[in-house]
């Protein structure tokens, strides 16, 4: 049953509303597969992803989904949950330090 729920969720358009609104999501793809394009419906954009590629986007803002794959696609997803940062304002700038 869990696998069925995972498959249903995986292919539906969604926003990751529990991701922090001021951060990015990083998705790294592993495996041997064809297909699995990442679709951003509002942007009318389909991105063909390949093995060992990564993409970064604001998953709490952009509606997205991926298409079915042929083969085995594994994903490593990095994100920050909205409870991890208590900041109410957007970041204004980054401090760069040379080493």
Protein backbone atom coordinates (compact mmCIF):
# COMPACT_ATOMS: atom_id res chain seq x y z
CA UNK A 1 0.00 0.00 0.00
CA UNK A 2 2.84 2.42 0.85
CA UNK A 3 4.37 1.87 -2.59
CA UNK A 4 1.02 2.71 -4.23
CA UNK A 5 0.75 5.94 -2.22
CA UNK A 6 4.32 6.86 -3.10
CA UNK A 7 3.69 6.28 -6.80
CA UNK A 8 0.46 8.29 -6.69
CA UNK A 9 2.14 11.24 -4.96
CA UNK A 10 5.27 11.11 -7.09
CA UNK A 11 3.45 11.77 -10.34
CA UNK A 12 0.95 14.42 -9.18
CA UNK A 13 1.61 18.14 -9.57
CA UNK A 14 2.45 19.64 -6.18
CA UNK A 15 4.32 22.26 -4.19
CA UNK A 16 6.38 21.23 -1.19
CA UNK A 17 4.55 23.50 1.24
CA UNK A 18 6.52 22.25 4.25
CA UNK A 19 9.83 23.34 2.70
CA UNK A 20 11.06 26.69 4.03
CA UNK A 21 9.87 29.46 1.69
CA UNK A 22 13.26 31.19 1.54
CA UNK A 23 15.41 28.17 0.63
CA UNK A 24 16.12 25.94 -2.34
CA UNK A 25 15.57 22.23 -2.86
CA UNK A 26 18.33 20.16 -4.46
CA UNK A 27 17.45 16.94 -6.28
CA UNK A 28 20.25 14.55 -7.33
CA UNK A 29 19.33 11.69 -9.67
CA UNK A 30 20.93 8.26 -9.55
CA UNK A 31 20.19 4.98 -11.29
CA UNK A 32 19.77 3.73 -14.83
CA UNK A 33 16.62 5.12 -16.40
CA UNK A 34 14.97 6.88 -19.31
CA UNK A 35 12.18 9.41 -19.03
CA UNK A 36 11.28 11.01 -15.72
CA UNK A 37 11.31 14.58 -17.04
CA UNK A 38 10.81 17.23 -14.37
CA UNK A 39 7.77 19.34 -15.29
CA UNK A 40 7.09 22.89 -14.08
CA UNK A 41 3.51 23.55 -15.21
CA UNK A 42 3.37 27.28 -14.46
CA UNK A 43 6.59 27.87 -16.38
CA UNK A 44 5.49 25.56 -19.21
CA UNK A 45 8.88 23.90 -18.88
CA UNK A 46 9.96 20.26 -19.10
CA UNK A 47 13.52 19.41 -18.11
CA UNK A 48 15.05 16.15 -19.31
CA UNK A 49 17.16 14.88 -16.43
CA UNK A 50 19.96 12.35 -16.78
CA UNK A 51 21.77 10.07 -14.38
CA UNK A 52 24.15 11.86 -11.99
CA UNK A 53 22.60 15.27 -12.66
CA UNK A 54 21.29 17.64 -10.02
CA UNK A 55 18.79 20.48 -10.16
CA UNK A 56 18.03 23.25 -7.69
CA UNK A 57 14.71 25.07 -7.47
CA UNK A 58 12.34 26.62 -4.96
CA UNK A 59 10.05 23.65 -4.40
CA UNK A 60 7.70 25.52 -2.05
CA UNK A 61 6.96 28.07 -4.78
CA UNK A 62 7.01 26.15 -8.07
CA UNK A 63 4.34 23.59 -8.92
CA UNK A 64 6.17 20.53 -10.23
CA UNK A 65 6.02 16.80 -10.93
CA UNK A 66 8.06 14.17 -12.71
CA UNK A 67 6.98 11.86 -15.51
CA UNK A 68 7.18 8.08 -15.41
CA UNK A 69 10.57 6.45 -15.82
CA UNK A 70 11.71 3.31 -17.57
CA UNK A 71 14.32 1.58 -15.45
CA UNK A 72 15.35 2.52 -11.92
CA UNK A 73 15.52 6.13 -10.81
CA UNK A 74 16.68 6.95 -7.29
CA UNK A 75 16.65 10.51 -5.98
CA UNK A 76 18.56 12.15 -3.17
CA UNK A 77 16.64 15.26 -2.12
CA UNK A 78 18.04 18.02 0.08
CA UNK A 79 15.64 20.56 1.56
CA UNK A 80 15.09 22.61 4.70
CA UNK A 81 11.83 22.04 6.56
CA UNK A 82 9.90 25.19 7.42
CA UNK A 83 10.34 24.59 11.16
CA UNK A 84 14.17 24.54 10.89
CA UNK A 85 14.51 28.30 10.31
CA UNK A 86 12.56 30.76 12.42
CA UNK A 87 13.52 33.74 10.25
CA UNK A 88 10.59 35.96 9.25
CA UNK A 89 12.46 38.21 6.78
CA UNK A 90 14.26 37.32 3.57
CA UNK A 91 18.04 37.14 3.58
CA UNK A 92 19.42 40.52 2.48
CA UNK A 93 22.94 39.53 1.49
CA UNK A 94 25.62 36.90 1.89
CA UNK A 95 28.95 37.60 3.52
CA UNK A 96 31.77 36.30 1.33
CA UNK A 97 35.10 35.48 3.00
CA UNK A 98 38.25 34.70 1.04
CA UNK A 99 40.50 31.98 2.43
